[in-house]
Amino acid sequence: MPMQDLRVTFIQANLFWEEREKNLDHFDSLLSRVTGQPDLILLPEMFNSGFSINPAACAETMDGPSVEYLRSRAENKNAVIMATLLISEGGNYYNRLVCMFPDGRYETCDKRHLFRLSGENRIFANGKQRKVLEIKGWKILPLVCYDLRFPVWSKNTWSEGQYEYDLLVYLANWPACRSHPWKTLLAARAMENQAYVAGANRVGDDGHGNWHSGDSVILDAKGIPLYAAPEGAEDIGFAACSAENLKIFRDSCTIGMDWDQFTLNV
């Protein structure tokens, strides 16, 4: 399918700590304010609980209420919705990104880099593969929060005139005390990979008193913000990612042709 302009919305929300029903109700209120018929809606990491490593309180299965919520809301909004949640499967727990399509089908990928400072690596199993998805001809690589710090995992590739992906997505619960790396690394990922980048983060305190300033943003392939959320406030951001502008930029700045070739072993 030829690339068409891609309308991307993020919801920068305050999350209720380990309270699924309150979060789902809150996102209903926020989703009702989404306008402009987006193609893709991005929610923060662990949208239904906040960033928790408490499976007893938060873990669900893939046929649980939160996945069903994403299915019904994607259908209602006629848009793809991406979010992560804590999933129990096969005796393991995963911080799983779900990409839900309006027709009810979905793709999943699990967070690769687990945040050692929180103990996430002791509780969850990490993801073993990247998954590039397609929406309106755009190839999209979705990743999760701490994955942002690892450029090899997000590295774009070029082969015979084709880029592996066109849009890089990060869903996060990234605290305000590290907001400078968040903003800097998002821009770096856009510039080094010649791709649009969207980062959807939360605001407010988590259950440990960590403040989140949000700083959600949609960047073009030059690292220039198309939309940047206000700091510390709930917000619904929107930008139209231009297929033509991306092609013009890539054709005029052919850095991808000189990227190093490598194989990633996981």
C-alpha atoms as a PDB file:
ATOM      1  CA  MET A   1       0.000   0.000   0.000  1.00  0.00           C
ATOM      2  CA  PRO A   2       1.462   3.414  -0.933  1.00  0.00           C
ATOM      3  CA  MET A   3       2.218   5.666   2.016  1.00  0.00           C
ATOM      4  CA  GLN A   4      -0.436   8.237   2.811  1.00  0.00           C
ATOM      5  CA  ASP A   5      -0.197  11.003   5.382  1.00  0.00           C
ATOM      6  CA  LEU A   6      -0.547   9.478   8.842  1.00  0.00           C
ATOM      7  CA  ARG A   7      -2.611  11.273  11.485  1.00  0.00           C
ATOM      8  CA  VAL A   8      -1.114  10.537  14.914  1.00  0.00           C
ATOM      9  CA  THR A   9      -2.615  11.420  18.301  1.00  0.00           C
ATOM     10  CA  PHE A  10      -1.145  10.823  21.754  1.00  0.00           C
ATOM     11  CA  ILE A  11      -2.941  11.070  25.076  1.00  0.00           C
ATOM     12  CA  GLN A  12      -0.743  12.426  27.857  1.00  0.00           C
ATOM     13  CA  ALA A  13      -2.705  11.330  30.922  1.00  0.00           C
ATOM     14  CA  ASN A  14      -2.477  11.191  34.672  1.00  0.00           C
ATOM     15  CA  LEU A  15      -2.766   7.546  35.762  1.00  0.00           C
ATOM     16  CA  PHE A  16      -4.377   6.105  38.876  1.00  0.00           C
ATOM     17  CA  TRP A  17      -1.941   3.830  40.687  1.00  0.00           C
ATOM     18  CA  GLU A  18      -2.919   0.167  40.231  1.00  0.00           C
ATOM     19  CA  GLU A  19      -6.602   1.062  39.751  1.00  0.00           C
ATOM     20  CA  ARG A  20      -7.735  -0.408  36.452  1.00  0.00           C
ATOM     21  CA  GLU A  21     -11.363   0.693  36.462  1.00  0.00           C
ATOM     22  CA  LYS A  22     -10.511   4.298  37.297  1.00  0.00           C
ATOM     23  CA  ASN A  23      -7.940   4.386  34.504  1.00  0.00           C
ATOM     24  CA  LEU A  24     -10.271   2.876  31.918  1.00  0.00           C
ATOM     25  CA  ASP A  25     -13.026   5.323  32.866  1.00  0.00           C
ATOM     26  CA  HIS A  26     -10.544   8.192  32.700  1.00  0.00           C
ATOM     27  CA  PHE A  27      -9.364   7.187  29.237  1.00  0.00           C
ATOM     28  CA  ASP A  28     -12.980   7.043  28.103  1.00  0.00           C
ATOM     29  CA  SER A  29     -13.268  10.700  29.103  1.00  0.00           C
ATOM     30  CA  LEU A  30     -10.038  11.598  27.317  1.00  0.00           C
ATOM     31  CA  LEU A  31     -10.841   9.566  24.190  1.00  0.00           C
ATOM     32  CA  SER A  32     -14.149  11.397  23.917  1.00  0.00           C
ATOM     33  CA  ARG A  33     -12.135  14.602  23.378  1.00  0.00           C
ATOM     34  CA  VAL A  34     -10.076  13.191  20.506  1.00  0.00           C
ATOM     35  CA  THR A  35     -10.915  14.962  17.247  1.00  0.00           C
ATOM     36  CA  GLY A  36      -9.608  15.028  13.687  1.00  0.00           C
ATOM     37  CA  GLN A  37     -10.100  11.316  12.983  1.00  0.00           C
ATOM     38  CA  PRO A  38      -6.594  10.066  13.796  1.00  0.00           C
ATOM     39  CA  ASP A  39      -5.230   6.912  12.208  1.00  0.00           C
ATOM     40  CA  LEU A  40      -3.143   6.048  15.275  1.00  0.00           C
ATOM     41  CA  ILE A  41      -3.764   6.816  18.960  1.00  0.00           C
ATOM     42  CA  LEU A  42      -0.941   6.337  21.479  1.00  0.00           C
ATOM     43  CA  LEU A  43      -1.493   5.775  25.208  1.00  0.00           C
ATOM     44  CA  PRO A  44       1.220   5.783  27.901  1.00  0.00           C
ATOM     45  CA  GLU A  45       2.986   2.670  29.134  1.00  0.00           C
ATOM     46  CA  MET A  46       0.836   0.496  31.442  1.00  0.00           C
ATOM     47  CA  PHE A  47      -2.144   2.695  30.660  1.00  0.00           C
ATOM     48  CA  ASN A  48      -4.431   0.740  32.990  1.00  0.00           C
ATOM     49  CA  SER A  49      -2.248   0.751  36.133  1.00  0.00           C
ATOM     50  CA  GLY A  50       0.692   3.102  35.939  1.00  0.00           C
ATOM     51  CA  PHE A  51       4.171   1.560  35.902  1.00  0.00           C
ATOM     52  CA  SER A  52       3.812  -1.232  38.447  1.00  0.00           C
ATOM     53  CA  ILE A  53       5.820  -4.404  39.048  1.00  0.00           C
ATOM     54  CA  ASN A  54       3.029  -5.881  41.175  1.00  0.00           C
ATOM     55  CA  PRO A  55       1.545  -8.746  39.136  1.00  0.00           C
ATOM     56  CA  ALA A  56      -0.833  -9.738  41.924  1.00  0.00           C
ATOM     57  CA  ALA A  57      -2.620  -6.411  41.560  1.00  0.00           C
ATOM     58  CA  CYS A  58      -2.191  -5.665  37.868  1.00  0.00           C
ATOM     59  CA  ALA A  59      -1.516  -8.719  35.698  1.00  0.00           C
ATOM     60  CA  GLU A  60      -4.175  -9.729  33.175  1.00  0.00           C
ATOM     61  CA  THR A  61      -4.436 -12.227  30.342  1.00  0.00           C
ATOM     62  CA  MET A  62      -4.856 -11.445  26.660  1.00  0.00           C
ATOM     63  CA  ASP A  63      -8.584 -12.163  26.961  1.00  0.00           C
ATOM     64  CA  GLY A  64      -8.923  -9.909  30.009  1.00  0.00           C
ATOM     65  CA  PRO A  65     -10.851  -6.641  30.408  1.00  0.00           C
ATOM     66  CA  SER A  66      -8.089  -4.221  29.372  1.00  0.00           C
ATOM     67  CA  VAL A  67      -7.413  -5.883  26.016  1.00  0.00           C
ATOM     68  CA  GLU A  68     -11.158  -6.014  25.431  1.00  0.00           C
ATOM     69  CA  TYR A  69     -11.290  -2.300  26.291  1.00  0.00           C
ATOM     70  CA  LEU A  70      -8.671  -1.543  23.653  1.00  0.00           C
ATOM     71  CA  ARG A  71     -10.593  -3.626  21.110  1.00  0.00           C
ATOM     72  CA  SER A  72     -13.895  -1.843  21.674  1.00  0.00           C
ATOM     73  CA  ARG A  73     -12.344   1.654  21.728  1.00  0.00           C
ATOM     74  CA  ALA A  74     -10.318   1.057  18.558  1.00  0.00           C
ATOM     75  CA  GLU A  75     -13.517   0.017  16.827  1.00  0.00           C
ATOM     76  CA  ASN A  76     -15.413   2.987  18.240  1.00  0.00           C
ATOM     77  CA  LYS A  77     -12.736   5.522  17.213  1.00  0.00           C
ATOM     78  CA  ASN A  78     -12.022   3.729  13.905  1.00  0.00           C
ATOM     79  CA  ALA A  79      -8.325   4.096  14.700  1.00  0.00           C
ATOM     80  CA  VAL A  80      -5.405   1.904  15.669  1.00  0.00           C
ATOM     81  CA  ILE A  81      -4.662   2.182  19.396  1.00  0.00           C
ATOM     82  CA  MET A  82      -1.303   1.303  20.960  1.00  0.00           C
ATOM     83  CA  ALA A  83      -0.873   0.779  24.701  1.00  0.00           C
ATOM     84  CA  THR A  84       1.052  -1.465  27.080  1.00  0.00           C
ATOM     85  CA  LEU A  85      -0.131  -3.475  30.065  1.00  0.00           C
ATOM     86  CA  LEU A  86       1.111  -6.177  32.422  1.00  0.00           C
ATOM     87  CA  ILE A  87       0.288  -9.598  30.933  1.00  0.00           C
ATOM     88  CA  SER A  88       0.475 -13.047  32.516  1.00  0.00           C
ATOM     89  CA  GLU A  89       1.215 -15.791  29.995  1.00  0.00           C
ATOM     90  CA  GLY A  90       2.866 -19.202  30.079  1.00  0.00           C
ATOM     91  CA  GLY A  91       4.083 -18.786  33.649  1.00  0.00           C
ATOM     92  CA  ASN A  92       5.783 -15.444  32.909  1.00  0.00           C
ATOM     93  CA  TYR A  93       4.859 -11.785  33.194  1.00  0.00           C
ATOM     94  CA  TYR A  94       5.399  -9.337  30.349  1.00  0.00           C
ATOM     95  CA  ASN A  95       5.191  -5.589  29.875  1.00  0.00           C
ATOM     96  CA  ARG A  96       3.331  -6.089  26.610  1.00  0.00           C
ATOM     97  CA  LEU A  97       2.627  -3.542  23.913  1.00  0.00           C
ATOM     98  CA  VAL A  98      -0.682  -4.198  22.170  1.00  0.00           C
ATOM     99  CA  CYS A  99      -1.405  -2.648  18.779  1.00  0.00           C
ATOM    100  CA  MET A 100      -5.171  -2.948  18.363  1.00  0.00           C
ATOM    101  CA  PHE A 101      -6.750  -2.410  14.941  1.00  0.00           C
ATOM    102  CA  PRO A 102     -10.342  -1.205  14.437  1.00  0.00           C
ATOM    103  CA  ASP A 103     -11.406  -4.589  13.028  1.00  0.00           C
ATOM    104  CA  GLY A 104     -10.418  -6.365  16.273  1.00  0.00           C
ATOM    105  CA  ARG A 105      -7.174  -7.962  15.123  1.00  0.00           C
ATOM    106  CA  TYR A 106      -4.064  -7.084  17.063  1.00  0.00           C
ATOM    107  CA  GLU A 107      -0.288  -7.404  17.103  1.00  0.00           C
ATOM    108  CA  THR A 108       1.876  -7.569  20.217  1.00  0.00           C
ATOM    109  CA  CYS A 109       5.490  -7.109  21.214  1.00  0.00           C
ATOM    110  CA  ASP A 110       7.082  -7.247  24.656  1.00  0.00           C
ATOM    111  CA  LYS A 111       9.363  -4.667  26.231  1.00  0.00           C
ATOM    112  CA  ARG A 112      12.950  -5.657  25.502  1.00  0.00           C
ATOM    113  CA  HIS A 113      14.920  -3.632  28.057  1.00  0.00           C
ATOM    114  CA  LEU A 114      13.554  -4.040  31.577  1.00  0.00           C
ATOM    115  CA  PHE A 115      14.239  -1.217  33.996  1.00  0.00           C
ATOM    116  CA  ARG A 116      16.760  -2.583  36.457  1.00  0.00           C
ATOM    117  CA  LEU A 117      16.497   0.369  38.881  1.00  0.00           C
ATOM    118  CA  SER A 118      12.865  -0.533  39.606  1.00  0.00           C
ATOM    119  CA  GLY A 119      13.398  -4.284  39.728  1.00  0.00           C
ATOM    120  CA  GLU A 120      11.371  -4.794  36.551  1.00  0.00           C
ATOM    121  CA  ASN A 121      14.053  -7.212  35.299  1.00  0.00           C
ATOM    122  CA  ARG A 122      13.482  -9.497  38.316  1.00  0.00           C
ATOM    123  CA  ILE A 123       9.719  -9.791  37.791  1.00  0.00           C
ATOM    124  CA  PHE A 124       9.136  -9.746  34.042  1.00  0.00           C
ATOM    125  CA  ALA A 125      10.436 -11.672  31.064  1.00  0.00           C
ATOM    126  CA  ASN A 126      11.877  -9.494  28.308  1.00  0.00           C
ATOM    127  CA  GLY A 127      10.900  -9.367  24.657  1.00  0.00           C
ATOM    128  CA  LYS A 128      12.895 -11.341  22.120  1.00  0.00           C
ATOM    129  CA  GLN A 129      11.960  -9.650  18.853  1.00  0.00           C
ATOM    130  CA  ARG A 130      11.203  -6.318  17.242  1.00  0.00           C
ATOM    131  CA  LYS A 131       8.021  -6.101  15.252  1.00  0.00           C
ATOM    132  CA  VAL A 132       7.476  -3.605  12.426  1.00  0.00           C
ATOM    133  CA  LEU A 133       3.787  -2.957  11.785  1.00  0.00           C
ATOM    134  CA  GLU A 134       2.084  -1.295   8.840  1.00  0.00           C
ATOM    135  CA  ILE A 135      -0.630   1.372   8.939  1.00  0.00           C
ATOM    136  CA  LYS A 136      -1.650   3.252   5.783  1.00  0.00           C
ATOM    137  CA  GLY A 137       1.568   2.204   4.076  1.00  0.00           C
ATOM    138  CA  TRP A 138       3.716   3.441   6.977  1.00  0.00           C
ATOM    139  CA  LYS A 139       6.104   0.954   8.535  1.00  0.00           C
ATOM    140  CA  ILE A 140       6.050   1.529  12.283  1.00  0.00           C
ATOM    141  CA  LEU A 141       8.377   0.216  15.003  1.00  0.00           C
ATOM    142  CA  PRO A 142       6.742   0.386  18.473  1.00  0.00           C
ATOM    143  CA  LEU A 143       8.988   0.233  21.550  1.00  0.00           C
ATOM    144  CA  VAL A 144       8.541   0.790  25.287  1.00  0.00           C
ATOM    145  CA  CYS A 145      10.012   3.403  27.634  1.00  0.00           C
ATOM    146  CA  TYR A 146      13.507   2.214  28.719  1.00  0.00           C
ATOM    147  CA  ASP A 147      14.074   0.826  25.185  1.00  0.00           C
ATOM    148  CA  LEU A 148      14.704   4.474  24.246  1.00  0.00           C
ATOM    149  CA  ARG A 149      18.146   4.358  25.869  1.00  0.00           C
ATOM    150  CA  PHE A 150      19.391   1.575  23.577  1.00  0.00           C
ATOM    151  CA  PRO A 151      20.024   2.872  20.053  1.00  0.00           C
ATOM    152  CA  VAL A 152      20.967  -0.516  18.596  1.00  0.00           C
ATOM    153  CA  TRP A 153      17.510  -1.919  19.417  1.00  0.00           C
ATOM    154  CA  SER A 154      15.833   0.983  17.613  1.00  0.00           C
ATOM    155  CA  LYS A 155      18.295   1.234  14.703  1.00  0.00           C
ATOM    156  CA  ASN A 156      16.713   1.689  11.303  1.00  0.00           C
ATOM    157  CA  THR A 157      18.127  -0.106   8.280  1.00  0.00           C
ATOM    158  CA  TRP A 158      18.320   0.697   4.562  1.00  0.00           C
ATOM    159  CA  SER A 159      18.485  -1.865   1.794  1.00  0.00           C
ATOM    160  CA  GLU A 160      17.923  -1.456  -1.939  1.00  0.00           C
ATOM    161  CA  GLY A 161      16.176   1.859  -1.508  1.00  0.00           C
ATOM    162  CA  GLN A 162      13.901   0.708   1.317  1.00  0.00           C
ATOM    163  CA  TYR A 163      13.934   1.769   4.960  1.00  0.00           C
ATOM    164  CA  GLU A 164      12.924  -0.789   7.570  1.00  0.00           C
ATOM    165  CA  TYR A 165      10.541   1.696   9.204  1.00  0.00           C
ATOM    166  CA  ASP A 166       9.177   5.223   8.825  1.00  0.00           C
ATOM    167  CA  LEU A 167       7.832   5.972  12.307  1.00  0.00           C
ATOM    168  CA  LEU A 168       9.343   5.029  15.665  1.00  0.00           C
ATOM    169  CA  VAL A 169       6.954   4.960  18.647  1.00  0.00           C
ATOM    170  CA  TYR A 170       7.786   4.966  22.361  1.00  0.00           C
ATOM    171  CA  LEU A 171       5.113   4.455  25.034  1.00  0.00           C
ATOM    172  CA  ALA A 172       6.455   5.454  28.436  1.00  0.00           C
ATOM    173  CA  ASN A 173       6.182   6.183  32.130  1.00  0.00           C
ATOM    174  CA  TRP A 174       9.329   8.347  32.117  1.00  0.00           C
ATOM    175  CA  PRO A 175       9.834  10.413  35.314  1.00  0.00           C
ATOM    176  CA  ALA A 176      10.445  14.149  35.348  1.00  0.00           C
ATOM    177  CA  CYS A 177      13.839  13.752  37.050  1.00  0.00           C
ATOM    178  CA  ARG A 178      15.091  12.293  33.759  1.00  0.00           C
ATOM    179  CA  SER A 179      13.126  14.501  31.383  1.00  0.00           C
ATOM    180  CA  HIS A 180      16.248  15.914  29.708  1.00  0.00           C
ATOM    181  CA  PRO A 181      17.406  12.475  28.489  1.00  0.00           C
ATOM    182  CA  TRP A 182      13.838  11.692  27.379  1.00  0.00           C
ATOM    183  CA  LYS A 183      13.605  14.771  25.171  1.00  0.00           C
ATOM    184  CA  THR A 184      17.193  14.538  23.926  1.00  0.00           C
ATOM    185  CA  LEU A 185      17.076  10.838  23.067  1.00  0.00           C
ATOM    186  CA  LEU A 186      13.756  11.120  21.231  1.00  0.00           C
ATOM    187  CA  ALA A 187      15.238  13.804  18.972  1.00  0.00           C
ATOM    188  CA  ALA A 188      18.420  11.750  18.508  1.00  0.00           C
ATOM    189  CA  ARG A 189      16.423   8.665  17.505  1.00  0.00           C
ATOM    190  CA  ALA A 190      14.598  10.704  14.847  1.00  0.00           C
ATOM    191  CA  MET A 191      17.760  12.204  13.384  1.00  0.00           C
ATOM    192  CA  GLU A 192      19.921   9.082  13.404  1.00  0.00           C
ATOM    193  CA  ASN A 193      17.184   6.882  11.906  1.00  0.00           C
ATOM    194  CA  GLN A 194      15.709   9.395   9.422  1.00  0.00           C
ATOM    195  CA  ALA A 195      12.233   8.624  10.686  1.00  0.00           C
ATOM    196  CA  TYR A 196       9.365  10.335  12.447  1.00  0.00           C
ATOM    197  CA  VAL A 197       9.289   9.687  16.198  1.00  0.00           C
ATOM    198  CA  ALA A 198       6.349   9.838  18.613  1.00  0.00           C
ATOM    199  CA  GLY A 199       6.791   9.597  22.378  1.00  0.00           C
ATOM    200  CA  ALA A 200       3.693   9.241  24.593  1.00  0.00           C
ATOM    201  CA  ASN A 201       4.371   9.726  28.302  1.00  0.00           C
ATOM    202  CA  ARG A 202       2.240  10.115  31.424  1.00  0.00           C
ATOM    203  CA  VAL A 203       1.943  12.966  33.941  1.00  0.00           C
ATOM    204  CA  GLY A 204       1.420  12.991  37.699  1.00  0.00           C
ATOM    205  CA  ASP A 205       2.754  11.000  40.647  1.00  0.00           C
ATOM    206  CA  ASP A 206       3.039   7.231  40.681  1.00  0.00           C
ATOM    207  CA  GLY A 207       2.608   5.034  43.740  1.00  0.00           C
ATOM    208  CA  HIS A 208       6.165   5.778  44.881  1.00  0.00           C
ATOM    209  CA  GLY A 209       5.841   9.551  44.664  1.00  0.00           C
ATOM    210  CA  ASN A 210       7.760   9.872  41.394  1.00  0.00           C
ATOM    211  CA  TRP A 211       6.575  12.906  39.438  1.00  0.00           C
ATOM    212  CA  HIS A 212       6.077  12.623  35.673  1.00  0.00           C
ATOM    213  CA  SER A 213       6.145  15.789  33.579  1.00  0.00           C
ATOM    214  CA  GLY A 214       4.945  14.174  30.359  1.00  0.00           C
ATOM    215  CA  ASP A 215       6.883  15.973  27.630  1.00  0.00           C
ATOM    216  CA  SER A 216       5.087  13.865  25.024  1.00  0.00           C
ATOM    217  CA  VAL A 217       6.015  14.857  21.496  1.00  0.00           C
ATOM    218  CA  ILE A 218       5.749  14.053  17.804  1.00  0.00           C
ATOM    219  CA  LEU A 219       8.937  14.807  15.842  1.00  0.00           C
ATOM    220  CA  ASP A 220       9.716  14.846  12.145  1.00  0.00           C
ATOM    221  CA  ALA A 221      12.752  13.032  10.727  1.00  0.00           C
ATOM    222  CA  LYS A 222      14.926  16.099  11.367  1.00  0.00           C
ATOM    223  CA  GLY A 223      14.082  15.943  15.067  1.00  0.00           C
ATOM    224  CA  ILE A 224      11.870  19.032  14.853  1.00  0.00           C
ATOM    225  CA  PRO A 225       8.705  18.938  17.007  1.00  0.00           C
ATOM    226  CA  LEU A 226       5.433  18.907  15.093  1.00  0.00           C
ATOM    227  CA  TYR A 227       3.562  18.928  18.391  1.00  0.00           C
ATOM    228  CA  ALA A 228       4.920  19.083  21.938  1.00  0.00           C
ATOM    229  CA  ALA A 229       2.683  18.663  24.975  1.00  0.00           C
ATOM    230  CA  PRO A 230       2.706  21.173  27.824  1.00  0.00           C
ATOM    231  CA  GLU A 231       4.811  20.103  30.779  1.00  0.00           C
ATOM    232  CA  GLY A 232       3.011  18.485  33.682  1.00  0.00           C
ATOM    233  CA  ALA A 233      -0.527  18.693  32.305  1.00  0.00           C
ATOM    234  CA  GLU A 234      -2.867  16.245  30.680  1.00  0.00           C
ATOM    235  CA  ASP A 235      -3.018  16.825  26.963  1.00  0.00           C
ATOM    236  CA  ILE A 236      -4.181  15.381  23.675  1.00  0.00           C
ATOM    237  CA  GLY A 237      -1.560  15.950  20.983  1.00  0.00           C
ATOM    238  CA  PHE A 238      -2.036  15.640  17.256  1.00  0.00           C
ATOM    239  CA  ALA A 239       0.160  15.867  14.167  1.00  0.00           C
ATOM    240  CA  ALA A 240      -0.133  14.796  10.553  1.00  0.00           C
ATOM    241  CA  CYS A 241       3.019  12.976   9.496  1.00  0.00           C
ATOM    242  CA  SER A 242       3.702  13.798   5.847  1.00  0.00           C
ATOM    243  CA  ALA A 243       4.703  10.936   3.566  1.00  0.00           C
ATOM    244  CA  GLU A 244       5.832  13.385   0.891  1.00  0.00           C
ATOM    245  CA  ASN A 245       7.999  15.413   3.264  1.00  0.00           C
ATOM    246  CA  LEU A 246       9.653  12.259   4.547  1.00  0.00           C
ATOM    247  CA  LYS A 247      10.440  11.100   1.012  1.00  0.00           C
ATOM    248  CA  ILE A 248      11.836  14.488   0.007  1.00  0.00           C
ATOM    249  CA  PHE A 249      14.053  14.594   3.089  1.00  0.00           C
ATOM    250  CA  ARG A 250      15.347  11.061   2.631  1.00  0.00           C
ATOM    251  CA  ASP A 251      15.996  11.608  -1.082  1.00  0.00           C
ATOM    252  CA  SER A 252      17.906  14.819  -0.425  1.00  0.00           C
ATOM    253  CA  CYS A 253      19.816  13.582   2.630  1.00  0.00           C
ATOM    254  CA  THR A 254      20.882  10.056   1.761  1.00  0.00           C
ATOM    255  CA  ILE A 255      22.516   9.152   5.068  1.00  0.00           C
ATOM    256  CA  GLY A 256      20.765   5.783   5.129  1.00  0.00           C
ATOM    257  CA  MET A 257      22.840   4.589   2.199  1.00  0.00           C
ATOM    258  CA  ASP A 258      25.977   4.950   4.341  1.00  0.00           C
ATOM    259  CA  TRP A 259      24.708   3.286   7.508  1.00  0.00           C
ATOM    260  CA  ASP A 260      26.852   0.456   8.851  1.00  0.00           C
ATOM    261  CA  GLN A 261      25.508  -3.020   8.177  1.00  0.00           C
ATOM    262  CA  PHE A 262      25.116  -5.202  11.257  1.00  0.00           C
ATOM    263  CA  THR A 263      23.306  -8.216  12.641  1.00  0.00           C
ATOM    264  CA  LEU A 264      21.526  -7.995  15.989  1.00  0.00           C
ATOM    265  CA  ASN A 265      21.663 -11.158  18.098  1.00  0.00           C
ATOM    266  CA  VAL A 266      19.052 -11.506  20.858  1.00  0.00           C
END
